[in-house]
Amino acid sequence: NATVISQERIAEDIYSMWIRTEAASEAK
C-alpha cells in the first residue's frame, strides 16, 4: 500500500503523482 504524497494536473488529461513506496529503493 503506497501513500499519495501529492497530485497535480500538468496538461490536458495528464497528471503527475508522487507516492511513498518501498519500490523507490530499487527502481531504475
PDB file of all heavy atoms in Angstrom:
ATOM      1  N   ASN A   1       0.844  -1.186   0.000  1.00  0.00           N
ATOM      2  CA  ASN A   1       0.000   0.000   0.000  1.00  0.00           C
ATOM      3  C   ASN A   1       0.880   1.237   0.000  1.00  0.00           C
ATOM      4  O   ASN A   1       1.516   1.558   1.011  1.00  0.00           O
ATOM      5  CB  ASN A   1      -0.931   0.005   1.211  1.00  0.00           C
ATOM      6  CG  ASN A   1      -2.055  -0.990   1.070  1.00  0.00           C
ATOM      7  OD1 ASN A   1      -2.566  -1.228  -0.024  1.00  0.00           O
ATOM      8  ND2 ASN A   1      -2.454  -1.607   2.179  1.00  0.00           N
ATOM      9  N   ALA A   2       0.945   1.912  -1.145  1.00  0.00           N
ATOM     10  CA  ALA A   2       1.699   3.159  -1.252  1.00  0.00           C
ATOM     11  C   ALA A   2       0.806   4.318  -0.811  1.00  0.00           C
ATOM     12  O   ALA A   2      -0.420   4.220  -0.852  1.00  0.00           O
ATOM     13  CB  ALA A   2       2.169   3.361  -2.683  1.00  0.00           C
ATOM     14  N   THR A   3       1.429   5.410  -0.418  1.00  0.00           N
ATOM     15  CA  THR A   3       0.690   6.588   0.032  1.00  0.00           C
ATOM     16  C   THR A   3       0.905   7.745  -0.939  1.00  0.00           C
ATOM     17  O   THR A   3       2.055   8.036  -1.316  1.00  0.00           O
ATOM     18  CB  THR A   3       1.152   7.023   1.440  1.00  0.00           C
ATOM     19  OG1 THR A   3       0.995   5.928   2.338  1.00  0.00           O
ATOM     20  CG2 THR A   3       0.341   8.203   1.935  1.00  0.00           C
ATOM     21  N   VAL A   4      -0.174   8.379  -1.339  1.00  0.00           N
ATOM     22  CA  VAL A   4      -0.079   9.537  -2.224  1.00  0.00           C
ATOM     23  C   VAL A   4       0.474  10.721  -1.441  1.00  0.00           C
ATOM     24  O   VAL A   4      -0.042  11.079  -0.374  1.00  0.00           O
ATOM     25  CB  VAL A   4      -1.457   9.893  -2.819  1.00  0.00           C
ATOM     26  CG1 VAL A   4      -1.356  11.156  -3.671  1.00  0.00           C
ATOM     27  CG2 VAL A   4      -2.002   8.734  -3.636  1.00  0.00           C
ATOM     28  N   ILE A   5       1.548  11.308  -1.953  1.00  0.00           N
ATOM     29  CA  ILE A   5       2.153  12.489  -1.327  1.00  0.00           C
ATOM     30  C   ILE A   5       1.580  13.762  -1.936  1.00  0.00           C
ATOM     31  O   ILE A   5       1.254  14.724  -1.232  1.00  0.00           O
ATOM     32  CB  ILE A   5       3.684  12.468  -1.500  1.00  0.00           C
ATOM     33  CG1 ILE A   5       4.280  11.232  -0.820  1.00  0.00           C
ATOM     34  CG2 ILE A   5       4.314  13.745  -0.966  1.00  0.00           C
ATOM     35  CD1 ILE A   5       5.737  11.005  -1.150  1.00  0.00           C
ATOM     36  N   SER A   6       1.443  13.775  -3.259  1.00  0.00           N
ATOM     37  CA  SER A   6       0.897  14.939  -3.944  1.00  0.00           C
ATOM     38  C   SER A   6       0.386  14.526  -5.315  1.00  0.00           C
ATOM     39  O   SER A   6       0.793  13.498  -5.851  1.00  0.00           O
ATOM     40  CB  SER A   6       1.948  16.040  -4.092  1.00  0.00           C
ATOM     41  OG  SER A   6       3.007  15.594  -4.933  1.00  0.00           O
ATOM     42  N   GLN A   7      -0.474  15.346  -5.875  1.00  0.00           N
ATOM     43  CA  GLN A   7      -1.008  15.101  -7.212  1.00  0.00           C
ATOM     44  C   GLN A   7      -1.382  16.430  -7.853  1.00  0.00           C
ATOM     45  O   GLN A   7      -1.920  17.323  -7.194  1.00  0.00           O
ATOM     46  CB  GLN A   7      -2.244  14.211  -7.149  1.00  0.00           C
ATOM     47  CG  GLN A   7      -3.031  14.137  -8.461  1.00  0.00           C
ATOM     48  CD  GLN A   7      -3.239  12.715  -8.938  1.00  0.00           C
ATOM     49  OE1 GLN A   7      -2.508  12.251  -9.802  1.00  0.00           O
ATOM     50  NE2 GLN A   7      -4.220  12.027  -8.382  1.00  0.00           N
ATOM     51  N   GLU A   8      -1.061  16.569  -9.137  1.00  0.00           N
ATOM     52  CA  GLU A   8      -1.445  17.781  -9.861  1.00  0.00           C
ATOM     53  C   GLU A   8      -1.665  17.469 -11.339  1.00  0.00           C
ATOM     54  O   GLU A   8      -1.085  16.526 -11.875  1.00  0.00           O
ATOM     55  CB  GLU A   8      -0.385  18.871  -9.719  1.00  0.00           C
ATOM     56  CG  GLU A   8       0.973  18.513 -10.307  1.00  0.00           C
ATOM     57  CD  GLU A   8       1.977  19.649 -10.216  1.00  0.00           C
ATOM     58  OE1 GLU A   8       1.571  20.822 -10.391  1.00  0.00           O
ATOM     59  OE2 GLU A   8       3.169  19.365  -9.986  1.00  0.00           O
ATOM     60  N   ARG A   9      -2.514  18.264 -11.950  1.00  0.00           N
ATOM     61  CA  ARG A   9      -2.754  18.176 -13.396  1.00  0.00           C
ATOM     62  C   ARG A   9      -1.729  19.069 -14.071  1.00  0.00           C
ATOM     63  O   ARG A   9      -1.626  20.260 -13.746  1.00  0.00           O
ATOM     64  CB  ARG A   9      -4.165  18.645 -13.723  1.00  0.00           C
ATOM     65  CG  ARG A   9      -4.533  18.645 -15.192  1.00  0.00           C
ATOM     66  CD  ARG A   9      -5.944  19.201 -15.362  1.00  0.00           C
ATOM     67  NE  ARG A   9      -6.356  19.274 -16.759  1.00  0.00           N
ATOM     68  CZ  ARG A   9      -6.088  20.293 -17.572  1.00  0.00           C
ATOM     69  NH1 ARG A   9      -5.381  21.330 -17.113  1.00  0.00           N
ATOM     70  NH2 ARG A   9      -6.500  20.288 -18.819  1.00  0.00           N
ATOM     71  N   ILE A  10      -0.934  18.531 -15.003  1.00  0.00           N
ATOM     72  CA  ILE A  10       0.137  19.319 -15.616  1.00  0.00           C
ATOM     73  C   ILE A  10      -0.113  19.612 -17.096  1.00  0.00           C
ATOM     74  O   ILE A  10       0.635  20.368 -17.707  1.00  0.00           O
ATOM     75  CB  ILE A  10       1.510  18.641 -15.421  1.00  0.00           C
ATOM     76  CG1 ILE A  10       1.534  17.233 -16.027  1.00  0.00           C
ATOM     77  CG2 ILE A  10       1.872  18.599 -13.939  1.00  0.00           C
ATOM     78  CD1 ILE A  10       2.913  16.579 -15.988  1.00  0.00           C
ATOM     79  N   ALA A  11      -1.138  19.001 -17.672  1.00  0.00           N
ATOM     80  CA  ALA A  11      -1.551  19.283 -19.054  1.00  0.00           C
ATOM     81  C   ALA A  11      -2.935  18.650 -19.220  1.00  0.00           C
ATOM     82  O   ALA A  11      -3.440  18.006 -18.297  1.00  0.00           O
ATOM     83  CB  ALA A  11      -0.559  18.703 -20.070  1.00  0.00           C
ATOM     84  N   GLU A  12      -3.535  18.845 -20.367  1.00  0.00           N
ATOM     85  CA  GLU A  12      -4.856  18.274 -20.590  1.00  0.00           C
ATOM     86  C   GLU A  12      -4.803  16.748 -20.465  1.00  0.00           C
ATOM     87  O   GLU A  12      -4.062  16.081 -21.193  1.00  0.00           O
ATOM     88  CB  GLU A  12      -5.386  18.650 -21.976  1.00  0.00           C
ATOM     89  CG  GLU A  12      -6.797  18.145 -22.245  1.00  0.00           C
ATOM     90  CD  GLU A  12      -7.321  18.534 -23.609  1.00  0.00           C
ATOM     91  OE1 GLU A  12      -6.596  19.225 -24.363  1.00  0.00           O
ATOM     92  OE2 GLU A  12      -8.455  18.145 -23.937  1.00  0.00           O
ATOM     93  N   ASP A  13      -5.553  16.209 -19.502  1.00  0.00           N
ATOM     94  CA  ASP A  13      -5.633  14.769 -19.237  1.00  0.00           C
ATOM     95  C   ASP A  13      -4.321  14.155 -18.749  1.00  0.00           C
ATOM     96  O   ASP A  13      -4.201  12.934 -18.664  1.00  0.00           O
ATOM     97  CB  ASP A  13      -6.115  13.996 -20.479  1.00  0.00           C
ATOM     98  CG  ASP A  13      -7.526  14.376 -20.892  1.00  0.00           C
ATOM     99  OD1 ASP A  13      -8.325  14.719 -19.999  1.00  0.00           O
ATOM    100  OD2 ASP A  13      -7.823  14.342 -22.096  1.00  0.00           O
ATOM    101  N   ILE A  14      -3.329  14.982 -18.409  1.00  0.00           N
ATOM    102  CA  ILE A  14      -2.040  14.484 -17.923  1.00  0.00           C
ATOM    103  C   ILE A  14      -1.883  14.856 -16.447  1.00  0.00           C
ATOM    104  O   ILE A  14      -1.994  16.033 -16.080  1.00  0.00           O
ATOM    105  CB  ILE A  14      -0.853  15.060 -18.716  1.00  0.00           C
ATOM    106  CG1 ILE A  14      -1.006  14.785 -20.223  1.00  0.00           C
ATOM    107  CG2 ILE A  14       0.470  14.483 -18.198  1.00  0.00           C
ATOM    108  CD1 ILE A  14      -0.896  13.342 -20.618  1.00  0.00           C
ATOM    109  N   TYR A  15      -1.598  13.859 -15.617  1.00  0.00           N
ATOM    110  CA  TYR A  15      -1.476  14.073 -14.175  1.00  0.00           C
ATOM    111  C   TYR A  15      -0.116  13.587 -13.669  1.00  0.00           C
ATOM    112  O   TYR A  15       0.437  12.623 -14.192  1.00  0.00           O
ATOM    113  CB  TYR A  15      -2.590  13.339 -13.425  1.00  0.00           C
ATOM    114  CG  TYR A  15      -3.946  13.978 -13.611  1.00  0.00           C
ATOM    115  CD1 TYR A  15      -4.676  13.780 -14.780  1.00  0.00           C
ATOM    116  CD2 TYR A  15      -4.486  14.805 -12.630  1.00  0.00           C
ATOM    117  CE1 TYR A  15      -5.914  14.384 -14.967  1.00  0.00           C
ATOM    118  CE2 TYR A  15      -5.724  15.405 -12.800  1.00  0.00           C
ATOM    119  CZ  TYR A  15      -6.430  15.191 -13.978  1.00  0.00           C
ATOM    120  OH  TYR A  15      -7.649  15.798 -14.162  1.00  0.00           O
ATOM    121  N   SER A  16       0.370  14.278 -12.652  1.00  0.00           N
ATOM    122  CA  SER A  16       1.632  13.935 -12.005  1.00  0.00           C
ATOM    123  C   SER A  16       1.352  13.575 -10.560  1.00  0.00           C
ATOM    124  O   SER A  16       0.731  14.342  -9.824  1.00  0.00           O
ATOM    125  CB  SER A  16       2.596  15.128 -12.067  1.00  0.00           C
ATOM    126  OG  SER A  16       3.711  14.913 -11.223  1.00  0.00           O
ATOM    127  N   MET A  17       1.801  12.399 -10.138  1.00  0.00           N
ATOM    128  CA  MET A  17       1.574  11.930  -8.773  1.00  0.00           C
ATOM    129  C   MET A  17       2.883  11.461  -8.147  1.00  0.00           C
ATOM    130  O   MET A  17       3.623  10.694  -8.757  1.00  0.00           O
ATOM    131  CB  MET A  17       0.573  10.765  -8.781  1.00  0.00           C
ATOM    132  CG  MET A  17       0.271  10.178  -7.399  1.00  0.00           C
ATOM    133  SD  MET A  17      -0.620   8.593  -7.470  1.00  0.00           S
ATOM    134  CE  MET A  17      -2.209   9.105  -8.094  1.00  0.00           C
ATOM    135  N   TRP A  18       3.156  11.951  -6.941  1.00  0.00           N
ATOM    136  CA  TRP A  18       4.266  11.433  -6.142  1.00  0.00           C
ATOM    137  C   TRP A  18       3.681  10.483  -5.110  1.00  0.00           C
ATOM    138  O   TRP A  18       2.677  10.802  -4.470  1.00  0.00           O
ATOM    139  CB  TRP A  18       4.993  12.563  -5.424  1.00  0.00           C
ATOM    140  CG  TRP A  18       5.999  13.306  -6.249  1.00  0.00           C
ATOM    141  CD1 TRP A  18       5.808  14.490  -6.904  1.00  0.00           C
ATOM    142  CD2 TRP A  18       7.365  12.930  -6.492  1.00  0.00           C
ATOM    143  NE1 TRP A  18       6.960  14.874  -7.551  1.00  0.00           N
ATOM    144  CE2 TRP A  18       7.934  13.946  -7.306  1.00  0.00           C
ATOM    145  CE3 TRP A  18       8.145  11.848  -6.099  1.00  0.00           C
ATOM    146  CZ2 TRP A  18       9.262  13.888  -7.735  1.00  0.00           C
ATOM    147  CZ3 TRP A  18       9.472  11.795  -6.530  1.00  0.00           C
ATOM    148  CH2 TRP A  18      10.010  12.801  -7.339  1.00  0.00           C
ATOM    149  N   ILE A  19       4.304   9.306  -4.960  1.00  0.00           N
ATOM    150  CA  ILE A  19       3.852   8.344  -3.953  1.00  0.00           C
ATOM    151  C   ILE A  19       5.032   7.901  -3.100  1.00  0.00           C
ATOM    152  O   ILE A  19       6.174   7.887  -3.559  1.00  0.00           O
ATOM    153  CB  ILE A  19       3.192   7.101  -4.599  1.00  0.00           C
ATOM    154  CG1 ILE A  19       4.174   6.377  -5.534  1.00  0.00           C
ATOM    155  CG2 ILE A  19       1.910   7.471  -5.327  1.00  0.00           C
ATOM    156  CD1 ILE A  19       3.651   5.050  -6.065  1.00  0.00           C
ATOM    157  N   ARG A  20       4.734   7.569  -1.844  1.00  0.00           N
ATOM    158  CA  ARG A  20       5.752   6.981  -0.962  1.00  0.00           C
ATOM    159  C   ARG A  20       5.624   5.474  -1.067  1.00  0.00           C
ATOM    160  O   ARG A  20       4.556   4.912  -0.828  1.00  0.00           O
ATOM    161  CB  ARG A  20       5.556   7.455   0.472  1.00  0.00           C
ATOM    162  CG  ARG A  20       6.612   6.885   1.426  1.00  0.00           C
ATOM    163  CD  ARG A  20       6.709   7.682   2.708  1.00  0.00           C
ATOM    164  NE  ARG A  20       7.423   8.950   2.495  1.00  0.00           N
ATOM    165  CZ  ARG A  20       6.847  10.143   2.503  1.00  0.00           C
ATOM    166  NH1 ARG A  20       5.554  10.256   2.698  1.00  0.00           N
ATOM    167  NH2 ARG A  20       7.550  11.241   2.295  1.00  0.00           N
ATOM    168  N   THR A  21       6.697   4.806  -1.474  1.00  0.00           N
ATOM    169  CA  THR A  21       6.644   3.379  -1.753  1.00  0.00           C
ATOM    170  C   THR A  21       7.999   2.720  -1.558  1.00  0.00           C
ATOM    171  O   THR A  21       9.043   3.343  -1.826  1.00  0.00           O
ATOM    172  CB  THR A  21       6.156   3.125  -3.193  1.00  0.00           C
ATOM    173  OG1 THR A  21       6.364   1.750  -3.542  1.00  0.00           O
ATOM    174  CG2 THR A  21       6.883   3.988  -4.205  1.00  0.00           C
ATOM    175  N   GLU A  22       7.997   1.477  -1.144  1.00  0.00           N
ATOM    176  CA  GLU A  22       9.240   0.715  -0.998  1.00  0.00           C
ATOM    177  C   GLU A  22       9.914   0.494  -2.351  1.00  0.00           C
ATOM    178  O   GLU A  22      11.125   0.255  -2.419  1.00  0.00           O
ATOM    179  CB  GLU A  22       8.942  -0.637  -0.347  1.00  0.00           C
ATOM    180  CG  GLU A  22       8.456  -0.544   1.089  1.00  0.00           C
ATOM    181  CD  GLU A  22       8.088  -1.896   1.669  1.00  0.00           C
ATOM    182  OE1 GLU A  22       8.375  -2.920   1.012  1.00  0.00           O
ATOM    183  OE2 GLU A  22       7.517  -1.934   2.770  1.00  0.00           O
ATOM    184  N   ALA A  23       9.133   0.578  -3.432  1.00  0.00           N
ATOM    185  CA  ALA A  23       9.683   0.365  -4.778  1.00  0.00           C
ATOM    186  C   ALA A  23      10.755   1.388  -5.125  1.00  0.00           C
ATOM    187  O   ALA A  23      11.596   1.144  -5.998  1.00  0.00           O
ATOM    188  CB  ALA A  23       8.560   0.410  -5.816  1.00  0.00           C
ATOM    189  N   ALA A  24      10.747   2.537  -4.454  1.00  0.00           N
ATOM    190  CA  ALA A  24      11.714   3.589  -4.762  1.00  0.00           C
ATOM    191  C   ALA A  24      13.147   3.147  -4.487  1.00  0.00           C
ATOM    192  O   ALA A  24      14.089   3.642  -5.122  1.00  0.00           O
ATOM    193  CB  ALA A  24      11.393   4.842  -3.955  1.00  0.00           C
ATOM    194  N   SER A  25      13.338   2.214  -3.572  1.00  0.00           N
ATOM    195  CA  SER A  25      14.693   1.794  -3.202  1.00  0.00           C
ATOM    196  C   SER A  25      15.382   1.001  -4.306  1.00  0.00           C
ATOM    197  O   SER A  25      16.607   0.944  -4.366  1.00  0.00           O
ATOM    198  CB  SER A  25      14.660   0.971  -1.915  1.00  0.00           C
ATOM    199  OG  SER A  25      13.950  -0.245  -2.112  1.00  0.00           O
ATOM    200  N   GLU A  26      14.588   0.377  -5.185  1.00  0.00           N
ATOM    201  CA  GLU A  26      15.165  -0.481  -6.219  1.00  0.00           C
ATOM    202  C   GLU A  26      14.933   0.027  -7.641  1.00  0.00           C
ATOM    203  O   GLU A  26      15.551  -0.475  -8.586  1.00  0.00           O
ATOM    204  CB  GLU A  26      14.551  -1.878  -6.130  1.00  0.00           C
ATOM    205  CG  GLU A  26      14.769  -2.599  -4.821  1.00  0.00           C
ATOM    206  CD  GLU A  26      14.077  -3.942  -4.811  1.00  0.00           C
ATOM    207  OE1 GLU A  26      13.894  -4.524  -5.895  1.00  0.00           O
ATOM    208  OE2 GLU A  26      13.697  -4.408  -3.722  1.00  0.00           O
ATOM    209  N   ALA A  27      14.044   0.984  -7.824  1.00  0.00           N
ATOM    210  CA  ALA A  27      13.633   1.392  -9.169  1.00  0.00           C
ATOM    211  C   ALA A  27      14.779   1.960  -9.997  1.00  0.00           C
ATOM    212  O   ALA A  27      15.685   2.616  -9.468  1.00  0.00           O
ATOM    213  CB  ALA A  27      12.506   2.419  -9.066  1.00  0.00           C
ATOM    214  N   LYS A  28      14.703   1.695 -11.311  1.00  0.00           N
ATOM    215  CA  LYS A  28      15.695   2.195 -12.265  1.00  0.00           C
ATOM    216  C   LYS A  28      14.961   2.852 -13.432  1.00  0.00           C
ATOM    217  O   LYS A  28      13.805   2.529 -13.720  1.00  0.00           O
ATOM    218  CB  LYS A  28      16.564   1.046 -12.779  1.00  0.00           C
ATOM    219  CG  LYS A  28      17.373   0.356 -11.691  1.00  0.00           C
ATOM    220  CD  LYS A  28      18.155  -0.824 -12.262  1.00  0.00           C
ATOM    221  CE  LYS A  28      18.933  -1.528 -11.162  1.00  0.00           C
ATOM    222  NZ  LYS A  28      19.674  -2.715 -11.682  1.00  0.00           N
TER     223      LYS A  28
END
